[in-house]
Amino acid sequence: MKYGFNMNILDDARSFPSLWSRTRSFINAHPELIHPDADLDWLLDASNNGDYNNCQFFSNFEVGDLNFFRGKANE
């Protein structure tokens, strides 16, 4: 496991206006970093052309592999 969290919430998109466009840009620039079995459908709103549904990761408890975060892909 590289990263784990314990809940997610819907939030007001005005609090993170560039989050999804930057995420999509990163995914497009680094598709090799997306696991083949990754399921992004739960983040997308099918009724809104598959745009981001404003679901954010929120947690008071997170587990992460620091080697992953310090790796070249995250520079």
PDB file of N, CA and C in Angstrom:
ATOM      1  N   MET A   1       0.847  -1.177   0.000  1.00  0.00           N
ATOM      2  CA  MET A   1       0.000   0.000   0.000  1.00  0.00           C
ATOM      3  C   MET A   1       0.894   1.241   0.000  1.00  0.00           C
ATOM      4  N   LYS A   2       0.540   2.192  -0.848  1.00  0.00           N
ATOM      5  CA  LYS A   2       1.278   3.445  -0.921  1.00  0.00           C
ATOM      6  C   LYS A   2       0.582   4.550  -0.139  1.00  0.00           C
ATOM      7  N   TYR A   3      -0.743   4.522  -0.120  1.00  0.00           N
ATOM      8  CA  TYR A   3      -1.487   5.566   0.580  1.00  0.00           C
ATOM      9  C   TYR A   3      -2.858   5.031   0.965  1.00  0.00           C
ATOM     10  N   GLY A   4      -3.311   5.330   2.159  1.00  0.00           N
ATOM     11  CA  GLY A   4      -4.630   4.919   2.592  1.00  0.00           C
ATOM     12  C   GLY A   4      -5.299   6.021   3.395  1.00  0.00           C
ATOM     13  N   PHE A   5      -6.606   6.095   3.314  1.00  0.00           N
ATOM     14  CA  PHE A   5      -7.366   7.095   4.057  1.00  0.00           C
ATOM     15  C   PHE A   5      -8.638   6.447   4.558  1.00  0.00           C
ATOM     16  N   ASN A   6      -9.369   7.120   5.438  1.00  0.00           N
ATOM     17  CA  ASN A   6     -10.507   6.445   6.043  1.00  0.00           C
ATOM     18  C   ASN A   6     -11.878   7.032   5.750  1.00  0.00           C
ATOM     19  N   MET A   7     -11.980   8.111   5.024  1.00  0.00           N
ATOM     20  CA  MET A   7     -13.301   8.612   4.652  1.00  0.00           C
ATOM     21  C   MET A   7     -13.178   9.667   3.564  1.00  0.00           C
ATOM     22  N   ASN A   8     -14.286   9.979   2.925  1.00  0.00           N
ATOM     23  CA  ASN A   8     -14.304  11.063   1.946  1.00  0.00           C
ATOM     24  C   ASN A   8     -15.605  11.830   2.091  1.00  0.00           C
ATOM     25  N   ILE A   9     -15.597  13.063   1.639  1.00  0.00           N
ATOM     26  CA  ILE A   9     -16.760  13.938   1.781  1.00  0.00           C
ATOM     27  C   ILE A   9     -16.992  14.710   0.492  1.00  0.00           C
ATOM     28  N   LEU A  10     -18.187  15.191   0.318  1.00  0.00           N
ATOM     29  CA  LEU A  10     -18.465  16.134  -0.765  1.00  0.00           C
ATOM     30  C   LEU A  10     -18.196  17.530  -0.224  1.00  0.00           C
ATOM     31  N   ASP A  11     -17.563  18.365  -1.038  1.00  0.00           N
ATOM     32  CA  ASP A  11     -17.184  19.685  -0.582  1.00  0.00           C
ATOM     33  C   ASP A  11     -17.598  20.726  -1.609  1.00  0.00           C
ATOM     34  N   ASP A  12     -17.508  21.955  -1.239  1.00  0.00           N
ATOM     35  CA  ASP A  12     -17.832  23.079  -2.110  1.00  0.00           C
ATOM     36  C   ASP A  12     -16.663  23.286  -3.074  1.00  0.00           C
ATOM     37  N   ALA A  13     -16.898  23.105  -4.362  1.00  0.00           N
ATOM     38  CA  ALA A  13     -15.837  23.200  -5.364  1.00  0.00           C
ATOM     39  C   ALA A  13     -15.153  24.557  -5.380  1.00  0.00           C
ATOM     40  N   ARG A  14     -15.784  25.577  -4.841  1.00  0.00           N
ATOM     41  CA  ARG A  14     -15.142  26.891  -4.812  1.00  0.00           C
ATOM     42  C   ARG A  14     -13.918  26.911  -3.898  1.00  0.00           C
ATOM     43  N   SER A  15     -13.822  25.943  -2.987  1.00  0.00           N
ATOM     44  CA  SER A  15     -12.674  25.908  -2.076  1.00  0.00           C
ATOM     45  C   SER A  15     -11.442  25.275  -2.721  1.00  0.00           C
ATOM     46  N   PHE A  16     -11.608  24.676  -3.910  1.00  0.00           N
ATOM     47  CA  PHE A  16     -10.469  24.052  -4.600  1.00  0.00           C
ATOM     48  C   PHE A  16     -10.662  24.157  -6.117  1.00  0.00           C
ATOM     49  N   PRO A  17     -10.677  25.377  -6.642  1.00  0.00           N
ATOM     50  CA  PRO A  17     -11.036  25.587  -8.047  1.00  0.00           C
ATOM     51  C   PRO A  17     -10.125  24.913  -9.071  1.00  0.00           C
ATOM     52  N   SER A  18      -8.870  24.702  -8.746  1.00  0.00           N
ATOM     53  CA  SER A  18      -7.971  24.116  -9.747  1.00  0.00           C
ATOM     54  C   SER A  18      -7.631  22.650  -9.466  1.00  0.00           C
ATOM     55  N   LEU A  19      -8.221  22.064  -8.432  1.00  0.00           N
ATOM     56  CA  LEU A  19      -7.850  20.707  -8.041  1.00  0.00           C
ATOM     57  C   LEU A  19      -8.027  19.710  -9.177  1.00  0.00           C
ATOM     58  N   TRP A  20      -9.203  19.647  -9.765  1.00  0.00           N
ATOM     59  CA  TRP A  20      -9.466  18.609 -10.760  1.00  0.00           C
ATOM     60  C   TRP A  20      -8.696  18.848 -12.050  1.00  0.00           C
ATOM     61  N   SER A  21      -8.588  20.090 -12.503  1.00  0.00           N
ATOM     62  CA  SER A  21      -7.837  20.335 -13.748  1.00  0.00           C
ATOM     63  C   SER A  21      -6.367  19.970 -13.566  1.00  0.00           C
ATOM     64  N   ARG A  22      -5.806  20.258 -12.413  1.00  0.00           N
ATOM     65  CA  ARG A  22      -4.409  19.888 -12.154  1.00  0.00           C
ATOM     66  C   ARG A  22      -4.259  18.378 -12.007  1.00  0.00           C
ATOM     67  N   THR A  23      -5.244  17.744 -11.378  1.00  0.00           N
ATOM     68  CA  THR A  23      -5.199  16.289 -11.252  1.00  0.00           C
ATOM     69  C   THR A  23      -5.242  15.638 -12.624  1.00  0.00           C
ATOM     70  N   ARG A  24      -6.159  16.072 -13.480  1.00  0.00           N
ATOM     71  CA  ARG A  24      -6.264  15.520 -14.838  1.00  0.00           C
ATOM     72  C   ARG A  24      -4.982  15.772 -15.627  1.00  0.00           C
ATOM     73  N   SER A  25      -4.394  16.944 -15.474  1.00  0.00           N
ATOM     74  CA  SER A  25      -3.133  17.241 -16.174  1.00  0.00           C
ATOM     75  C   SER A  25      -2.038  16.278 -15.718  1.00  0.00           C
ATOM     76  N   PHE A  26      -1.977  16.020 -14.405  1.00  0.00           N
ATOM     77  CA  PHE A  26      -0.974  15.091 -13.884  1.00  0.00           C
ATOM     78  C   PHE A  26      -1.227  13.680 -14.419  1.00  0.00           C
ATOM     79  N   ILE A  27      -2.474  13.237 -14.406  1.00  0.00           N
ATOM     80  CA  ILE A  27      -2.808  11.904 -14.916  1.00  0.00           C
ATOM     81  C   ILE A  27      -2.424  11.788 -16.382  1.00  0.00           C
ATOM     82  N   ASN A  28      -2.724  12.813 -17.170  1.00  0.00           N
ATOM     83  CA  ASN A  28      -2.397  12.780 -18.594  1.00  0.00           C
ATOM     84  C   ASN A  28      -0.893  12.791 -18.833  1.00  0.00           C
ATOM     85  N   ALA A  29      -0.145  13.484 -17.973  1.00  0.00           N
ATOM     86  CA  ALA A  29       1.304  13.556 -18.120  1.00  0.00           C
ATOM     87  C   ALA A  29       2.006  12.293 -17.617  1.00  0.00           C
ATOM     88  N   HIS A  30       1.363  11.578 -16.679  1.00  0.00           N
ATOM     89  CA  HIS A  30       1.994  10.409 -16.058  1.00  0.00           C
ATOM     90  C   HIS A  30       1.037   9.215 -15.994  1.00  0.00           C
ATOM     91  N   PRO A  31       0.506   8.768 -17.121  1.00  0.00           N
ATOM     92  CA  PRO A  31      -0.460   7.656 -17.072  1.00  0.00           C
ATOM     93  C   PRO A  31       0.135   6.369 -16.507  1.00  0.00           C
ATOM     94  N   GLU A  32       1.449   6.224 -16.559  1.00  0.00           N
ATOM     95  CA  GLU A  32       2.087   5.020 -16.030  1.00  0.00           C
ATOM     96  C   GLU A  32       1.975   4.931 -14.512  1.00  0.00           C
ATOM     97  N   LEU A  33       1.631   6.031 -13.852  1.00  0.00           N
ATOM     98  CA  LEU A  33       1.501   6.026 -12.399  1.00  0.00           C
ATOM     99  C   LEU A  33       0.099   5.630 -11.936  1.00  0.00           C
ATOM    100  N   ILE A  34      -0.838   5.497 -12.858  1.00  0.00           N
ATOM    101  CA  ILE A  34      -2.202   5.086 -12.521  1.00  0.00           C
ATOM    102  C   ILE A  34      -2.280   3.569 -12.611  1.00  0.00           C
ATOM    103  N   HIS A  35      -2.647   2.953 -11.524  1.00  0.00           N
ATOM    104  CA  HIS A  35      -2.736   1.493 -11.487  1.00  0.00           C
ATOM    105  C   HIS A  35      -3.768   1.020 -12.506  1.00  0.00           C
ATOM    106  N   PRO A  36      -3.472  -0.070 -13.225  1.00  0.00           N
ATOM    107  CA  PRO A  36      -4.423  -0.564 -14.238  1.00  0.00           C
ATOM    108  C   PRO A  36      -5.813  -0.870 -13.675  1.00  0.00           C
ATOM    109  N   ASP A  37      -5.889  -1.216 -12.398  1.00  0.00           N
ATOM    110  CA  ASP A  37      -7.175  -1.528 -11.780  1.00  0.00           C
ATOM    111  C   ASP A  37      -7.785  -0.342 -11.042  1.00  0.00           C
ATOM    112  N   ALA A  38      -7.208   0.840 -11.200  1.00  0.00           N
ATOM    113  CA  ALA A  38      -7.737   2.031 -10.519  1.00  0.00           C
ATOM    114  C   ALA A  38      -9.160   2.303 -10.990  1.00  0.00           C
ATOM    115  N   ASP A  39     -10.036   2.541 -10.057  1.00  0.00           N
ATOM    116  CA  ASP A  39     -11.432   2.846 -10.363  1.00  0.00           C
ATOM    117  C   ASP A  39     -11.699   4.296 -10.000  1.00  0.00           C
ATOM    118  N   LEU A  40     -11.688   5.164 -10.998  1.00  0.00           N
ATOM    119  CA  LEU A  40     -11.933   6.581 -10.762  1.00  0.00           C
ATOM    120  C   LEU A  40     -13.405   6.950 -10.915  1.00  0.00           C
ATOM    121  N   ASP A  41     -14.233   5.979 -11.293  1.00  0.00           N
ATOM    122  CA  ASP A  41     -15.657   6.282 -11.532  1.00  0.00           C
ATOM    123  C   ASP A  41     -16.346   6.878 -10.314  1.00  0.00           C
ATOM    124  N   TRP A  42     -15.945   6.493  -9.112  1.00  0.00           N
ATOM    125  CA  TRP A  42     -16.599   7.020  -7.915  1.00  0.00           C
ATOM    126  C   TRP A  42     -16.288   8.502  -7.713  1.00  0.00           C
ATOM    127  N   LEU A  43     -15.277   9.031  -8.433  1.00  0.00           N
ATOM    128  CA  LEU A  43     -14.937  10.453  -8.347  1.00  0.00           C
ATOM    129  C   LEU A  43     -15.589  11.280  -9.445  1.00  0.00           C
ATOM    130  N   LEU A  44     -16.213  10.598 -10.397  1.00  0.00           N
ATOM    131  CA  LEU A  44     -16.737  11.288 -11.571  1.00  0.00           C
ATOM    132  C   LEU A  44     -18.253  11.317 -11.561  1.00  0.00           C
ATOM    133  N   ASP A  45     -18.800  12.395 -12.072  1.00  0.00           N
ATOM    134  CA  ASP A  45     -20.246  12.593 -12.123  1.00  0.00           C
ATOM    135  C   ASP A  45     -20.729  12.297 -13.541  1.00  0.00           C
ATOM    136  N   ALA A  46     -21.322  11.123 -13.717  1.00  0.00           N
ATOM    137  CA  ALA A  46     -21.775  10.707 -15.049  1.00  0.00           C
ATOM    138  C   ALA A  46     -22.813  11.670 -15.623  1.00  0.00           C
ATOM    139  N   SER A  47     -23.574  12.334 -14.777  1.00  0.00           N
ATOM    140  CA  SER A  47     -24.599  13.264 -15.260  1.00  0.00           C
ATOM    141  C   SER A  47     -24.017  14.623 -15.645  1.00  0.00           C
ATOM    142  N   ASN A  48     -22.702  14.802 -15.433  1.00  0.00           N
ATOM    143  CA  ASN A  48     -22.044  16.073 -15.753  1.00  0.00           C
ATOM    144  C   ASN A  48     -20.817  15.821 -16.638  1.00  0.00           C
ATOM    145  N   ASN A  49     -21.015  15.048 -17.695  1.00  0.00           N
ATOM    146  CA  ASN A  49     -19.947  14.741 -18.666  1.00  0.00           C
ATOM    147  C   ASN A  49     -18.709  14.118 -18.029  1.00  0.00           C
ATOM    148  N   GLY A  50     -18.892  13.380 -16.959  1.00  0.00           N
ATOM    149  CA  GLY A  50     -17.773  12.722 -16.303  1.00  0.00           C
ATOM    150  C   GLY A  50     -16.840  13.662 -15.570  1.00  0.00           C
ATOM    151  N   ASP A  51     -17.320  14.865 -15.255  1.00  0.00           N
ATOM    152  CA  ASP A  51     -16.495  15.825 -14.524  1.00  0.00           C
ATOM    153  C   ASP A  51     -16.385  15.401 -13.057  1.00  0.00           C
ATOM    154  N   TYR A  52     -15.476  15.997 -12.351  1.00  0.00           N
ATOM    155  CA  TYR A  52     -15.232  15.717 -10.938  1.00  0.00           C
ATOM    156  C   TYR A  52     -16.487  15.983 -10.112  1.00  0.00           C
ATOM    157  N   ASN A  53     -16.804  15.099  -9.183  1.00  0.00           N
ATOM    158  CA  ASN A  53     -18.036  15.210  -8.398  1.00  0.00           C
ATOM    159  C   ASN A  53     -17.860  15.907  -7.045  1.00  0.00           C
ATOM    160  N   ASN A  54     -16.705  16.537  -6.827  1.00  0.00           N
ATOM    161  CA  ASN A  54     -16.408  17.293  -5.606  1.00  0.00           C
ATOM    162  C   ASN A  54     -16.208  16.420  -4.368  1.00  0.00           C
ATOM    163  N   CYS A  55     -15.933  15.154  -4.572  1.00  0.00           N
ATOM    164  CA  CYS A  55     -15.635  14.270  -3.452  1.00  0.00           C
ATOM    165  C   CYS A  55     -14.168  14.455  -3.083  1.00  0.00           C
ATOM    166  N   GLN A  56     -13.905  14.779  -1.822  1.00  0.00           N
ATOM    167  CA  GLN A  56     -12.536  14.993  -1.361  1.00  0.00           C
ATOM    168  C   GLN A  56     -12.155  13.950  -0.333  1.00  0.00           C
ATOM    169  N   PHE A  57     -10.871  13.642  -0.312  1.00  0.00           N
ATOM    170  CA  PHE A  57     -10.354  12.788   0.743  1.00  0.00           C
ATOM    171  C   PHE A  57     -10.241  13.631   2.003  1.00  0.00           C
ATOM    172  N   PHE A  58     -10.752  13.124   3.077  1.00  0.00           N
ATOM    173  CA  PHE A  58     -10.658  13.821   4.357  1.00  0.00           C
ATOM    174  C   PHE A  58     -10.372  12.775   5.410  1.00  0.00           C
ATOM    175  N   SER A  59      -9.434  13.061   6.247  1.00  0.00           N
ATOM    176  CA  SER A  59      -9.088  12.051   7.223  1.00  0.00           C
ATOM    177  C   SER A  59      -8.360  12.658   8.410  1.00  0.00           C
ATOM    178  N   ASN A  60      -8.607  12.097   9.552  1.00  0.00           N
ATOM    179  CA  ASN A  60      -7.805  12.397  10.724  1.00  0.00           C
ATOM    180  C   ASN A  60      -6.764  11.303  10.923  1.00  0.00           C
ATOM    181  N   PHE A  61      -6.811  10.310  10.063  1.00  0.00           N
ATOM    182  CA  PHE A  61      -5.863   9.205  10.128  1.00  0.00           C
ATOM    183  C   PHE A  61      -5.482   8.827   8.714  1.00  0.00           C
ATOM    184  N   GLU A  62      -4.214   8.961   8.392  1.00  0.00           N
ATOM    185  CA  GLU A  62      -3.733   8.617   7.063  1.00  0.00           C
ATOM    186  C   GLU A  62      -2.486   7.764   7.184  1.00  0.00           C
ATOM    187  N   VAL A  63      -2.343   6.867   6.242  1.00  0.00           N
ATOM    188  CA  VAL A  63      -1.173   6.019   6.174  1.00  0.00           C
ATOM    189  C   VAL A  63      -0.550   6.228   4.810  1.00  0.00           C
ATOM    190  N   GLY A  64       0.721   6.545   4.775  1.00  0.00           N
ATOM    191  CA  GLY A  64       1.390   6.749   3.495  1.00  0.00           C
ATOM    192  C   GLY A  64       2.805   6.201   3.522  1.00  0.00           C
ATOM    193  N   ASP A  65       3.254   5.713   2.383  1.00  0.00           N
ATOM    194  CA  ASP A  65       4.619   5.250   2.213  1.00  0.00           C
ATOM    195  C   ASP A  65       5.458   6.461   1.828  1.00  0.00           C
ATOM    196  N   LEU A  66       6.286   6.951   2.731  1.00  0.00           N
ATOM    197  CA  LEU A  66       7.066   8.160   2.460  1.00  0.00           C
ATOM    198  C   LEU A  66       8.000   7.983   1.279  1.00  0.00           C
ATOM    199  N   ASN A  67       8.455   6.772   1.013  1.00  0.00           N
ATOM    200  CA  ASN A  67       9.277   6.550  -0.177  1.00  0.00           C
ATOM    201  C   ASN A  67       8.490   6.878  -1.437  1.00  0.00           C
ATOM    202  N   PHE A  68       7.203   6.586  -1.445  1.00  0.00           N
ATOM    203  CA  PHE A  68       6.348   6.930  -2.578  1.00  0.00           C
ATOM    204  C   PHE A  68       6.265   8.447  -2.750  1.00  0.00           C
ATOM    205  N   PHE A  69       5.996   9.162  -1.653  1.00  0.00           N
ATOM    206  CA  PHE A  69       5.853  10.616  -1.720  1.00  0.00           C
ATOM    207  C   PHE A  69       7.179  11.323  -2.053  1.00  0.00           C
ATOM    208  N   ARG A  70       8.279  10.702  -1.669  1.00  0.00           N
ATOM    209  CA  ARG A  70       9.593  11.283  -1.938  1.00  0.00           C
ATOM    210  C   ARG A  70      10.163  10.841  -3.284  1.00  0.00           C
ATOM    211  N   GLY A  71       9.459   9.977  -3.978  1.00  0.00           N
ATOM    212  CA  GLY A  71       9.940   9.428  -5.242  1.00  0.00           C
ATOM    213  C   GLY A  71       9.976  10.452  -6.362  1.00  0.00           C
ATOM    214  N   LYS A  72      10.669  10.084  -7.420  1.00  0.00           N
ATOM    215  CA  LYS A  72      10.855  10.957  -8.581  1.00  0.00           C
ATOM    216  C   LYS A  72       9.520  11.386  -9.187  1.00  0.00           C
ATOM    217  N   ALA A  73       8.540  10.511  -9.194  1.00  0.00           N
ATOM    218  CA  ALA A  73       7.235  10.838  -9.792  1.00  0.00           C
ATOM    219  C   ALA A  73       6.536  11.979  -9.077  1.00  0.00           C
ATOM    220  N   ASN A  74       6.877  12.223  -7.818  1.00  0.00           N
ATOM    221  CA  ASN A  74       6.219  13.292  -7.052  1.00  0.00           C
ATOM    222  C   ASN A  74       7.070  14.544  -6.899  1.00  0.00           C
ATOM    223  N   GLU A  75       8.120  14.654  -7.695  1.00  0.00           N
ATOM    224  CA  GLU A  75       8.964  15.861  -7.606  1.00  0.00           C
ATOM    225  C   GLU A  75       8.236  17.072  -8.129  1.00  0.00           C
TER     226      GLU A  75
END
